[in-house]
Amino acid sequence: MRTRLAPSPTGALHLGNARTFLINWAIARQRGWRIVLRIEDLDTPRVKPGAVDGIVRTLEALGLDWDEGPLIQSHDLEPYRDAMRRLAESGMAYVSPESRGQIEDLAASAPQEGVHESVFPAALRPARMDSQFYEGGEFNWRFATPDEEVVFIDGFAGPQAIRPSRSIGDFVVWTKRQQPSYQLAVVIDDARQGVTHVVRGNDLLDSAARQLLLMRALGLEPRPEYFHLPLVRGEDGKRLAKRHGDTRVESYLGRGVPAERLIALLARWSGVPGVLERMTAGEFCRAFELSRLSSEDVVFSAADDRWLLEGRRG
């Protein structure tokens, strides 16, 4: 049994990222899963210099460890190219030269939190699809999404029935930057790294359905079991981000807040009873129970920020 910690080096880890990684790590250590650390760095324009080293330092400072890695996605693109060749040859992917603006003009928009995509309906597919994958040119490749419900049981969120053809339509699998999209890359990596259990935020539930369709199209087995956890949000109800101030873990550590103080707050957010002022990752692992985790999103408040800073060393 294997899981992965899969941060993206588009910035430092904030408290919401940290809670998800801590829970993932704790479940893995409780159940004897091996942990792969994978750096998902294919969103090239947004990757920050030095972010990979910063992420590793932050995870280590929190007391998290792993059994393999860090594995860097961008170091080898050939497995993704091979998958694209198979999708094109099977008629499941095609060239899409339309810009985002053109798509928005042609199709109804389906906004999703944190995802700036518009629905791309099957009616906009080309009459004739290329059967050979090739790179170059200012265009994306899209997956021809079947019009069907994807049914699966999430280990935390419960039974799911999602129809990606309606929520997102034909989604991008290869970008005009000559790189795989997140959806394709994560499917290939989970398969080749033997990932059996995926623990992540519930904003990616719809992505799970897309990824299951890609796995089937590529003949990848076994399918991982998913656990989609509630998010941490700001007081405005939006997912935790820069607009909520500096919630980076490394920033709190740099201001003298002990890692054990941070973990104590994450434990309070995770249904751990009787949390004291400080807690280590090992203590969290022994105390955490998935059945006690609320299905409601957590709100990071100004009071939480003050509580963390009150515990600074010195």
C-alpha atoms as a PDB file:
ATOM      1  CA  MET A   1       0.000   0.000   0.000  1.00  0.00           C
ATOM      2  CA  ARG A   2       1.453   3.337  -1.041  1.00  0.00           C
ATOM      3  CA  THR A   3       0.448   6.978  -0.852  1.00  0.00           C
ATOM      4  CA  ARG A   4       2.117  10.223  -1.867  1.00  0.00           C
ATOM      5  CA  LEU A   5       2.774  13.662  -0.537  1.00  0.00           C
ATOM      6  CA  ALA A   6       2.586  15.741  -3.710  1.00  0.00           C
ATOM      7  CA  PRO A   7       3.286  19.445  -3.127  1.00  0.00           C
ATOM      8  CA  SER A   8       3.567  21.901  -5.991  1.00  0.00           C
ATOM      9  CA  PRO A   9       6.494  24.386  -5.803  1.00  0.00           C
ATOM     10  CA  THR A  10       4.351  27.321  -6.887  1.00  0.00           C
ATOM     11  CA  GLY A  11       4.814  28.770  -3.419  1.00  0.00           C
ATOM     12  CA  ALA A  12       5.467  27.876   0.205  1.00  0.00           C
ATOM     13  CA  LEU A  13       3.183  25.518   2.131  1.00  0.00           C
ATOM     14  CA  HIS A  14       0.438  27.307   4.060  1.00  0.00           C
ATOM     15  CA  LEU A  15      -1.540  25.999   7.020  1.00  0.00           C
ATOM     16  CA  GLY A  16      -4.193  24.394   4.819  1.00  0.00           C
ATOM     17  CA  ASN A  17      -1.575  22.441   2.850  1.00  0.00           C
ATOM     18  CA  ALA A  18       0.107  21.462   6.115  1.00  0.00           C
ATOM     19  CA  ARG A  19      -3.083  20.027   7.601  1.00  0.00           C
ATOM     20  CA  THR A  20      -3.749  17.855   4.546  1.00  0.00           C
ATOM     21  CA  PHE A  21      -0.156  16.596   4.445  1.00  0.00           C
ATOM     22  CA  LEU A  22      -0.129  15.923   8.195  1.00  0.00           C
ATOM     23  CA  ILE A  23      -3.360  13.911   8.001  1.00  0.00           C
ATOM     24  CA  ASN A  24      -2.109  12.023   4.932  1.00  0.00           C
ATOM     25  CA  TRP A  25       1.159  11.227   6.701  1.00  0.00           C
ATOM     26  CA  ALA A  26      -0.605  10.125   9.906  1.00  0.00           C
ATOM     27  CA  ILE A  27      -3.025   7.804   8.092  1.00  0.00           C
ATOM     28  CA  ALA A  28      -0.119   6.270   6.174  1.00  0.00           C
ATOM     29  CA  ARG A  29       1.957   5.655   9.290  1.00  0.00           C
ATOM     30  CA  GLN A  30      -1.059   4.255  11.170  1.00  0.00           C
ATOM     31  CA  ARG A  31      -1.908   1.821   8.381  1.00  0.00           C
ATOM     32  CA  GLY A  32       1.581   0.858   7.266  1.00  0.00           C
ATOM     33  CA  TRP A  33       1.491   2.510   3.845  1.00  0.00           C
ATOM     34  CA  ARG A  34       4.750   3.567   2.231  1.00  0.00           C
ATOM     35  CA  ILE A  35       5.010   7.297   1.440  1.00  0.00           C
ATOM     36  CA  VAL A  36       6.404   8.787  -1.772  1.00  0.00           C
ATOM     37  CA  LEU A  37       7.352  12.471  -1.822  1.00  0.00           C
ATOM     38  CA  ARG A  38       6.589  13.772  -5.314  1.00  0.00           C
ATOM     39  CA  ILE A  39       7.223  17.337  -6.423  1.00  0.00           C
ATOM     40  CA  GLU A  40       4.598  18.356  -8.985  1.00  0.00           C
ATOM     41  CA  ASP A  41       6.496  21.099 -10.807  1.00  0.00           C
ATOM     42  CA  LEU A  42       4.926  21.052 -14.276  1.00  0.00           C
ATOM     43  CA  ASP A  43       3.000  24.312 -13.838  1.00  0.00           C
ATOM     44  CA  THR A  44       6.200  25.941 -15.071  1.00  0.00           C
ATOM     45  CA  PRO A  45       5.206  29.646 -15.203  1.00  0.00           C
ATOM     46  CA  ARG A  46       4.138  29.571 -11.549  1.00  0.00           C
ATOM     47  CA  VAL A  47       7.059  27.573 -10.098  1.00  0.00           C
ATOM     48  CA  LYS A  48       9.013  29.701  -7.621  1.00  0.00           C
ATOM     49  CA  PRO A  49      12.837  29.527  -7.424  1.00  0.00           C
ATOM     50  CA  GLY A  50      13.932  27.700  -4.292  1.00  0.00           C
ATOM     51  CA  ALA A  51      10.412  26.496  -3.519  1.00  0.00           C
ATOM     52  CA  VAL A  52      11.320  22.792  -3.668  1.00  0.00           C
ATOM     53  CA  ASP A  53      14.014  23.121  -1.009  1.00  0.00           C
ATOM     54  CA  GLY A  54      11.674  25.267   1.077  1.00  0.00           C
ATOM     55  CA  ILE A  55       8.891  22.664   0.914  1.00  0.00           C
ATOM     56  CA  VAL A  56      11.242  19.853   1.953  1.00  0.00           C
ATOM     57  CA  ARG A  57      12.566  21.919   4.865  1.00  0.00           C
ATOM     58  CA  THR A  58       9.030  22.761   6.001  1.00  0.00           C
ATOM     59  CA  LEU A  59       7.855  19.138   5.928  1.00  0.00           C
ATOM     60  CA  GLU A  60      10.932  18.058   7.852  1.00  0.00           C
ATOM     61  CA  ALA A  61      10.462  20.872  10.390  1.00  0.00           C
ATOM     62  CA  LEU A  62       6.933  19.608  11.046  1.00  0.00           C
ATOM     63  CA  GLY A  63       8.330  16.146  11.712  1.00  0.00           C
ATOM     64  CA  LEU A  64       7.032  14.445   8.560  1.00  0.00           C
ATOM     65  CA  ASP A  65       9.112  11.832   6.757  1.00  0.00           C
ATOM     66  CA  TRP A  66       8.790   9.654   3.649  1.00  0.00           C
ATOM     67  CA  ASP A  67      10.132   6.413   2.243  1.00  0.00           C
ATOM     68  CA  GLU A  68      10.950   7.471  -1.334  1.00  0.00           C
ATOM     69  CA  GLY A  69      11.823  10.716  -3.060  1.00  0.00           C
ATOM     70  CA  PRO A  70      11.674  13.519  -3.596  1.00  0.00           C
ATOM     71  CA  LEU A  71      10.739  12.544  -7.158  1.00  0.00           C
ATOM     72  CA  ILE A  72      10.610  15.508  -9.547  1.00  0.00           C
ATOM     73  CA  GLN A  73       8.013  15.367 -12.338  1.00  0.00           C
ATOM     74  CA  SER A  74       9.886  17.576 -14.797  1.00  0.00           C
ATOM     75  CA  HIS A  75      12.984  15.365 -14.798  1.00  0.00           C
ATOM     76  CA  ASP A  76      11.445  12.901 -17.257  1.00  0.00           C
ATOM     77  CA  LEU A  77       8.583  13.793 -19.623  1.00  0.00           C
ATOM     78  CA  GLU A  78       8.779  10.649 -21.750  1.00  0.00           C
ATOM     79  CA  PRO A  79       6.189   8.614 -19.750  1.00  0.00           C
ATOM     80  CA  TYR A  80       3.670  11.404 -20.349  1.00  0.00           C
ATOM     81  CA  ARG A  81       4.498  11.564 -24.058  1.00  0.00           C
ATOM     82  CA  ASP A  82       3.979   7.812 -24.308  1.00  0.00           C
ATOM     83  CA  ALA A  83       0.549   8.166 -22.689  1.00  0.00           C
ATOM     84  CA  MET A  84      -0.359  10.934 -25.151  1.00  0.00           C
ATOM     85  CA  ARG A  85       0.639   8.740 -28.085  1.00  0.00           C
ATOM     86  CA  ARG A  86      -1.696   6.024 -26.817  1.00  0.00           C
ATOM     87  CA  LEU A  87      -4.584   8.449 -26.291  1.00  0.00           C
ATOM     88  CA  ALA A  88      -4.176   9.915 -29.787  1.00  0.00           C
ATOM     89  CA  GLU A  89      -3.881   6.497 -31.465  1.00  0.00           C
ATOM     90  CA  SER A  90      -7.056   5.304 -29.721  1.00  0.00           C
ATOM     91  CA  GLY A  91      -8.997   8.410 -30.793  1.00  0.00           C
ATOM     92  CA  MET A  92      -9.351   9.645 -27.221  1.00  0.00           C
ATOM     93  CA  ALA A  93      -7.387  12.906 -27.608  1.00  0.00           C
ATOM     94  CA  TYR A  94      -7.237  15.622 -30.229  1.00  0.00           C
ATOM     95  CA  VAL A  95      -5.635  18.953 -31.087  1.00  0.00           C
ATOM     96  CA  SER A  96      -7.473  21.991 -29.703  1.00  0.00           C
ATOM     97  CA  PRO A  97      -6.215  25.313 -31.091  1.00  0.00           C
ATOM     98  CA  GLU A  98      -8.912  27.472 -29.467  1.00  0.00           C
ATOM     99  CA  SER A  99      -7.884  30.121 -26.956  1.00  0.00           C
ATOM    100  CA  ARG A 100      -9.631  30.417 -23.602  1.00  0.00           C
ATOM    101  CA  GLY A 101     -11.443  33.497 -24.854  1.00  0.00           C
ATOM    102  CA  GLN A 102     -12.714  31.657 -27.924  1.00  0.00           C
ATOM    103  CA  ILE A 103     -13.926  28.766 -25.796  1.00  0.00           C
ATOM    104  CA  GLU A 104     -15.785  31.111 -23.478  1.00  0.00           C
ATOM    105  CA  ASP A 105     -17.471  32.652 -26.504  1.00  0.00           C
ATOM    106  CA  LEU A 106     -18.441  29.243 -27.882  1.00  0.00           C
ATOM    107  CA  ALA A 107     -19.486  27.455 -24.698  1.00  0.00           C
ATOM    108  CA  ALA A 108     -21.165  28.202 -21.390  1.00  0.00           C
ATOM    109  CA  SER A 109     -18.720  28.868 -18.569  1.00  0.00           C
ATOM    110  CA  ALA A 110     -18.553  26.455 -15.640  1.00  0.00           C
ATOM    111  CA  PRO A 111     -16.495  28.221 -12.981  1.00  0.00           C
ATOM    112  CA  GLN A 112     -14.889  26.088 -10.288  1.00  0.00           C
ATOM    113  CA  GLU A 113     -13.075  27.318  -7.234  1.00  0.00           C
ATOM    114  CA  GLY A 114      -9.378  27.566  -8.010  1.00  0.00           C
ATOM    115  CA  VAL A 115      -9.827  26.203 -11.536  1.00  0.00           C
ATOM    116  CA  HIS A 116     -10.053  28.653 -14.402  1.00  0.00           C
ATOM    117  CA  GLU A 117     -11.561  26.424 -17.046  1.00  0.00           C
ATOM    118  CA  SER A 118     -14.649  26.679 -19.199  1.00  0.00           C
ATOM    119  CA  VAL A 119     -16.830  23.782 -20.245  1.00  0.00           C
ATOM    120  CA  PHE A 120     -15.649  22.421 -23.584  1.00  0.00           C
ATOM    121  CA  PRO A 121     -18.587  20.404 -24.966  1.00  0.00           C
ATOM    122  CA  ALA A 122     -18.290  17.466 -27.330  1.00  0.00           C
ATOM    123  CA  ALA A 123     -19.966  19.540 -30.042  1.00  0.00           C
ATOM    124  CA  LEU A 124     -16.736  21.529 -30.400  1.00  0.00           C
ATOM    125  CA  ARG A 125     -14.606  18.476 -31.175  1.00  0.00           C
ATOM    126  CA  PRO A 126     -13.100  18.416 -34.676  1.00  0.00           C
ATOM    127  CA  ALA A 127     -14.888  16.292 -37.255  1.00  0.00           C
ATOM    128  CA  ARG A 128     -11.665  14.434 -37.909  1.00  0.00           C
ATOM    129  CA  MET A 129      -9.189  13.671 -35.131  1.00  0.00           C
ATOM    130  CA  ASP A 130      -5.455  13.215 -35.575  1.00  0.00           C
ATOM    131  CA  SER A 131      -4.405   9.648 -34.799  1.00  0.00           C
ATOM    132  CA  GLN A 132      -0.786  10.550 -34.112  1.00  0.00           C
ATOM    133  CA  PHE A 133       0.492  12.658 -31.238  1.00  0.00           C
ATOM    134  CA  TYR A 134       2.915  15.411 -32.174  1.00  0.00           C
ATOM    135  CA  GLU A 135       4.412  18.344 -30.318  1.00  0.00           C
ATOM    136  CA  GLY A 136       4.913  21.908 -31.408  1.00  0.00           C
ATOM    137  CA  GLY A 137       2.580  24.701 -32.333  1.00  0.00           C
ATOM    138  CA  GLU A 138       0.408  26.964 -30.232  1.00  0.00           C
ATOM    139  CA  PHE A 139      -2.265  24.474 -29.263  1.00  0.00           C
ATOM    140  CA  ASN A 140      -3.415  22.121 -26.513  1.00  0.00           C
ATOM    141  CA  TRP A 141      -4.528  18.509 -26.731  1.00  0.00           C
ATOM    142  CA  ARG A 142      -7.867  17.578 -25.139  1.00  0.00           C
ATOM    143  CA  PHE A 143      -9.306  14.321 -23.857  1.00  0.00           C
ATOM    144  CA  ALA A 144     -12.543  13.253 -25.531  1.00  0.00           C
ATOM    145  CA  THR A 145     -14.550  12.895 -22.319  1.00  0.00           C
ATOM    146  CA  PRO A 146     -17.223  10.165 -22.465  1.00  0.00           C
ATOM    147  CA  ASP A 147     -20.714  11.341 -21.554  1.00  0.00           C
ATOM    148  CA  GLU A 148     -21.191   9.127 -18.534  1.00  0.00           C
ATOM    149  CA  GLU A 149     -21.272   9.221 -14.755  1.00  0.00           C
ATOM    150  CA  VAL A 150     -18.135   8.167 -12.948  1.00  0.00           C
ATOM    151  CA  VAL A 151     -19.118   6.304  -9.807  1.00  0.00           C
ATOM    152  CA  PHE A 152     -16.713   5.589  -6.953  1.00  0.00           C
ATOM    153  CA  ILE A 153     -16.660   5.438  -3.154  1.00  0.00           C
ATOM    154  CA  ASP A 154     -14.454   8.021  -1.506  1.00  0.00           C
ATOM    155  CA  GLY A 155     -12.802   6.866   1.720  1.00  0.00           C
ATOM    156  CA  PHE A 156     -13.898  10.040   3.498  1.00  0.00           C
ATOM    157  CA  ALA A 157     -16.510  11.832   1.376  1.00  0.00           C
ATOM    158  CA  GLY A 158     -18.506   8.650   0.669  1.00  0.00           C
ATOM    159  CA  PRO A 159     -20.285   7.556  -2.550  1.00  0.00           C
ATOM    160  CA  GLN A 160     -19.723   9.825  -5.562  1.00  0.00           C
ATOM    161  CA  ALA A 161     -21.379  10.050  -8.972  1.00  0.00           C
ATOM    162  CA  ILE A 162     -19.765  12.730 -11.152  1.00  0.00           C
ATOM    163  CA  ARG A 163     -20.271  13.459 -14.849  1.00  0.00           C
ATOM    164  CA  PRO A 164     -17.165  15.338 -16.072  1.00  0.00           C
ATOM    165  CA  SER A 165     -18.649  15.722 -19.554  1.00  0.00           C
ATOM    166  CA  ARG A 166     -21.170  18.145 -18.041  1.00  0.00           C
ATOM    167  CA  SER A 167     -19.006  19.854 -15.414  1.00  0.00           C
ATOM    168  CA  ILE A 168     -15.892  20.439 -17.533  1.00  0.00           C
ATOM    169  CA  GLY A 169     -16.294  18.688 -20.881  1.00  0.00           C
ATOM    170  CA  ASP A 170     -13.236  17.797 -22.952  1.00  0.00           C
ATOM    171  CA  PHE A 171     -10.351  18.794 -20.699  1.00  0.00           C
ATOM    172  CA  VAL A 172      -6.728  19.571 -21.556  1.00  0.00           C
ATOM    173  CA  VAL A 173      -4.248  16.699 -21.232  1.00  0.00           C
ATOM    174  CA  TRP A 174      -1.261  18.265 -23.020  1.00  0.00           C
ATOM    175  CA  THR A 175      -0.519  21.979 -22.986  1.00  0.00           C
ATOM    176  CA  LYS A 176       0.840  24.394 -25.550  1.00  0.00           C
ATOM    177  CA  ARG A 177       3.949  24.639 -23.323  1.00  0.00           C
ATOM    178  CA  GLN A 178       4.699  21.074 -24.516  1.00  0.00           C
ATOM    179  CA  GLN A 179       4.027  19.607 -21.090  1.00  0.00           C
ATOM    180  CA  PRO A 180       1.348  17.277 -19.692  1.00  0.00           C
ATOM    181  CA  SER A 181      -1.523  18.858 -17.816  1.00  0.00           C
ATOM    182  CA  TYR A 182      -1.993  18.154 -14.114  1.00  0.00           C
ATOM    183  CA  GLN A 183      -4.727  15.605 -14.880  1.00  0.00           C
ATOM    184  CA  LEU A 184      -2.563  13.468 -17.156  1.00  0.00           C
ATOM    185  CA  ALA A 185       0.648  13.807 -15.134  1.00  0.00           C
ATOM    186  CA  VAL A 186      -0.919  12.739 -11.842  1.00  0.00           C
ATOM    187  CA  VAL A 187      -2.522   9.665 -13.441  1.00  0.00           C
ATOM    188  CA  ILE A 188       0.748   8.509 -14.996  1.00  0.00           C
ATOM    189  CA  ASP A 189       2.764   9.195 -11.860  1.00  0.00           C
ATOM    190  CA  ASP A 190       0.319   7.447  -9.535  1.00  0.00           C
ATOM    191  CA  ALA A 191       0.407   4.390 -11.804  1.00  0.00           C
ATOM    192  CA  ARG A 192       4.173   4.164 -12.276  1.00  0.00           C
ATOM    193  CA  GLN A 193       4.860   4.887  -8.588  1.00  0.00           C
ATOM    194  CA  GLY A 194       2.359   2.261  -7.454  1.00  0.00           C
ATOM    195  CA  VAL A 195       0.158   4.694  -5.515  1.00  0.00           C
ATOM    196  CA  THR A 196      -2.839   2.868  -4.048  1.00  0.00           C
ATOM    197  CA  HIS A 197      -4.261   5.604  -1.780  1.00  0.00           C
ATOM    198  CA  VAL A 198      -4.642   9.320  -2.551  1.00  0.00           C
ATOM    199  CA  VAL A 199      -5.387  11.766   0.296  1.00  0.00           C
ATOM    200  CA  ARG A 200      -6.045  15.391  -0.739  1.00  0.00           C
ATOM    201  CA  GLY A 201      -8.466  18.328  -0.536  1.00  0.00           C
ATOM    202  CA  ASN A 202     -12.106  18.022  -1.557  1.00  0.00           C
ATOM    203  CA  ASP A 203     -11.669  20.726  -4.196  1.00  0.00           C
ATOM    204  CA  LEU A 204     -10.244  17.901  -6.327  1.00  0.00           C
ATOM    205  CA  LEU A 205     -13.267  15.588  -6.189  1.00  0.00           C
ATOM    206  CA  ASP A 206     -14.213  16.439  -9.778  1.00  0.00           C
ATOM    207  CA  SER A 207     -10.614  15.812 -10.797  1.00  0.00           C
ATOM    208  CA  ALA A 208     -10.846  12.288  -9.383  1.00  0.00           C
ATOM    209  CA  ALA A 209     -13.594  11.503 -11.888  1.00  0.00           C
ATOM    210  CA  ARG A 210     -11.491  12.831 -14.771  1.00  0.00           C
ATOM    211  CA  GLN A 211      -8.493  10.863 -13.592  1.00  0.00           C
ATOM    212  CA  LEU A 212     -10.484   7.637 -13.359  1.00  0.00           C
ATOM    213  CA  LEU A 213     -11.612   8.129 -16.968  1.00  0.00           C
ATOM    214  CA  LEU A 214      -8.002   8.634 -18.053  1.00  0.00           C
ATOM    215  CA  MET A 215      -6.901   5.514 -16.180  1.00  0.00           C
ATOM    216  CA  ARG A 216      -9.511   3.460 -17.977  1.00  0.00           C
ATOM    217  CA  ALA A 217      -8.577   4.937 -21.374  1.00  0.00           C
ATOM    218  CA  LEU A 218      -4.914   4.101 -20.755  1.00  0.00           C
ATOM    219  CA  GLY A 219      -5.597   0.670 -19.249  1.00  0.00           C
ATOM    220  CA  LEU A 220      -3.990   1.558 -15.908  1.00  0.00           C
ATOM    221  CA  GLU A 221      -4.636  -0.639 -12.887  1.00  0.00           C
ATOM    222  CA  PRO A 222      -5.243  -0.722 -10.001  1.00  0.00           C
ATOM    223  CA  ARG A 223      -7.243   2.427  -9.437  1.00  0.00           C
ATOM    224  CA  PRO A 224      -6.300   4.284  -6.252  1.00  0.00           C
ATOM    225  CA  GLU A 225      -8.688   4.667  -3.363  1.00  0.00           C
ATOM    226  CA  TYR A 226      -9.405   8.362  -2.789  1.00  0.00           C
ATOM    227  CA  PHE A 227      -9.840  10.312   0.450  1.00  0.00           C
ATOM    228  CA  HIS A 228     -10.978  13.902  -0.199  1.00  0.00           C
ATOM    229  CA  LEU A 229     -10.717  16.008   2.947  1.00  0.00           C
ATOM    230  CA  PRO A 230     -12.395  19.323   3.872  1.00  0.00           C
ATOM    231  CA  LEU A 231     -10.425  22.495   3.175  1.00  0.00           C
ATOM    232  CA  VAL A 232      -9.105  25.281   5.366  1.00  0.00           C
ATOM    233  CA  ARG A 233     -10.710  28.609   4.472  1.00  0.00           C
ATOM    234  CA  GLY A 234     -10.308  32.224   5.461  1.00  0.00           C
ATOM    235  CA  GLU A 235     -12.952  34.184   7.359  1.00  0.00           C
ATOM    236  CA  ASP A 236     -14.384  35.302   4.010  1.00  0.00           C
ATOM    237  CA  GLY A 237     -15.238  31.670   3.186  1.00  0.00           C
ATOM    238  CA  LYS A 238     -12.686  31.401   0.392  1.00  0.00           C
ATOM    239  CA  ARG A 239      -9.961  28.787   0.244  1.00  0.00           C
ATOM    240  CA  LEU A 240      -6.892  29.825   2.225  1.00  0.00           C
ATOM    241  CA  ALA A 241      -4.553  31.895   0.033  1.00  0.00           C
ATOM    242  CA  LYS A 242      -2.383  35.020  -0.052  1.00  0.00           C
ATOM    243  CA  ARG A 243      -5.444  37.250   0.280  1.00  0.00           C
ATOM    244  CA  HIS A 244      -5.774  36.034   3.874  1.00  0.00           C
ATOM    245  CA  GLY A 245      -2.349  37.330   4.873  1.00  0.00           C
ATOM    246  CA  ASP A 246       0.845  35.403   5.482  1.00  0.00           C
ATOM    247  CA  THR A 247      -0.285  31.919   6.499  1.00  0.00           C
ATOM    248  CA  ARG A 248       2.881  30.184   5.327  1.00  0.00           C
ATOM    249  CA  VAL A 249       4.238  27.583   7.715  1.00  0.00           C
ATOM    250  CA  GLU A 250       7.817  28.768   7.138  1.00  0.00           C
ATOM    251  CA  SER A 251       6.779  32.318   8.027  1.00  0.00           C
ATOM    252  CA  TYR A 252       5.381  31.254  11.387  1.00  0.00           C
ATOM    253  CA  LEU A 253       8.494  29.150  12.060  1.00  0.00           C
ATOM    254  CA  GLY A 254      10.669  32.143  11.127  1.00  0.00           C
ATOM    255  CA  ARG A 255       8.790  34.316  13.633  1.00  0.00           C
ATOM    256  CA  GLY A 256       9.579  31.896  16.437  1.00  0.00           C
ATOM    257  CA  VAL A 257       6.399  29.820  16.498  1.00  0.00           C
ATOM    258  CA  PRO A 258       7.425  26.236  17.365  1.00  0.00           C
ATOM    259  CA  ALA A 259       6.411  23.479  14.959  1.00  0.00           C
ATOM    260  CA  GLU A 260       4.649  21.805  17.890  1.00  0.00           C
ATOM    261  CA  ARG A 261       2.427  24.872  18.308  1.00  0.00           C
ATOM    262  CA  LEU A 262       1.460  24.732  14.637  1.00  0.00           C
ATOM    263  CA  ILE A 263       0.675  21.018  14.864  1.00  0.00           C
ATOM    264  CA  ALA A 264      -1.466  21.644  17.951  1.00  0.00           C
ATOM    265  CA  LEU A 265      -3.607  24.044  15.912  1.00  0.00           C
ATOM    266  CA  LEU A 266      -3.823  21.570  13.021  1.00  0.00           C
ATOM    267  CA  ALA A 267      -4.842  18.896  15.534  1.00  0.00           C
ATOM    268  CA  ARG A 268      -7.686  21.087  16.837  1.00  0.00           C
ATOM    269  CA  TRP A 269      -8.847  21.458  13.246  1.00  0.00           C
ATOM    270  CA  SER A 270      -8.662  17.679  12.759  1.00  0.00           C
ATOM    271  CA  GLY A 271     -10.918  16.455  15.549  1.00  0.00           C
ATOM    272  CA  VAL A 272      -8.136  15.401  17.914  1.00  0.00           C
ATOM    273  CA  PRO A 273      -9.560  15.589  21.457  1.00  0.00           C
ATOM    274  CA  GLY A 274      -7.821  17.144  24.437  1.00  0.00           C
ATOM    275  CA  VAL A 275      -5.170  19.020  22.462  1.00  0.00           C
ATOM    276  CA  LEU A 276      -2.712  20.930  24.616  1.00  0.00           C
ATOM    277  CA  GLU A 277      -0.580  23.950  23.768  1.00  0.00           C
ATOM    278  CA  ARG A 278       1.912  21.889  21.798  1.00  0.00           C
ATOM    279  CA  MET A 279       1.956  18.552  19.983  1.00  0.00           C
ATOM    280  CA  THR A 280       4.534  16.691  17.920  1.00  0.00           C
ATOM    281  CA  ALA A 281       3.788  14.951  14.625  1.00  0.00           C
ATOM    282  CA  GLY A 282       4.265  11.606  16.372  1.00  0.00           C
ATOM    283  CA  GLU A 283       1.737  12.541  19.062  1.00  0.00           C
ATOM    284  CA  PHE A 284      -0.690  13.661  16.362  1.00  0.00           C
ATOM    285  CA  CYS A 285      -0.272  10.336  14.582  1.00  0.00           C
ATOM    286  CA  ARG A 286      -1.098   8.399  17.745  1.00  0.00           C
ATOM    287  CA  ALA A 287      -4.131  10.562  18.574  1.00  0.00           C
ATOM    288  CA  PHE A 288      -5.693  11.209  15.152  1.00  0.00           C
ATOM    289  CA  GLU A 289      -8.766   9.230  14.069  1.00  0.00           C
ATOM    290  CA  LEU A 290     -10.231   9.753  10.623  1.00  0.00           C
ATOM    291  CA  SER A 291     -13.721   9.010  11.965  1.00  0.00           C
ATOM    292  CA  ARG A 292     -13.493  12.124  14.187  1.00  0.00           C
ATOM    293  CA  LEU A 293     -12.621  14.474  11.333  1.00  0.00           C
ATOM    294  CA  SER A 294     -15.505  16.834  10.592  1.00  0.00           C
ATOM    295  CA  SER A 295     -16.828  16.937   7.043  1.00  0.00           C
ATOM    296  CA  GLU A 296     -17.147  20.720   7.363  1.00  0.00           C
ATOM    297  CA  ASP A 297     -14.436  23.044   6.098  1.00  0.00           C
ATOM    298  CA  VAL A 298     -12.268  24.751   8.713  1.00  0.00           C
ATOM    299  CA  VAL A 299     -12.064  28.535   9.115  1.00  0.00           C
ATOM    300  CA  PHE A 300      -8.680  30.072   9.937  1.00  0.00           C
ATOM    301  CA  SER A 301      -9.482  33.106  12.051  1.00  0.00           C
ATOM    302  CA  ALA A 302      -7.628  36.119  13.401  1.00  0.00           C
ATOM    303  CA  ALA A 303      -7.933  34.440  16.810  1.00  0.00           C
ATOM    304  CA  ASP A 304      -6.037  31.415  15.474  1.00  0.00           C
ATOM    305  CA  ASP A 305      -3.276  33.681  14.216  1.00  0.00           C
ATOM    306  CA  ARG A 306      -3.025  35.414  17.603  1.00  0.00           C
ATOM    307  CA  TRP A 307      -2.957  32.071  19.408  1.00  0.00           C
ATOM    308  CA  LEU A 308      -0.050  30.860  17.283  1.00  0.00           C
ATOM    309  CA  LEU A 309       1.955  34.031  17.863  1.00  0.00           C
ATOM    310  CA  GLU A 310       1.308  33.961  21.607  1.00  0.00           C
ATOM    311  CA  GLY A 311       3.299  30.737  21.721  1.00  0.00           C
ATOM    312  CA  ARG A 312       6.494  32.141  20.215  1.00  0.00           C
ATOM    313  CA  ARG A 313       9.780  31.143  21.791  1.00  0.00           C
ATOM    314  CA  GLY A 314      11.523  33.698  23.931  1.00  0.00           C
END
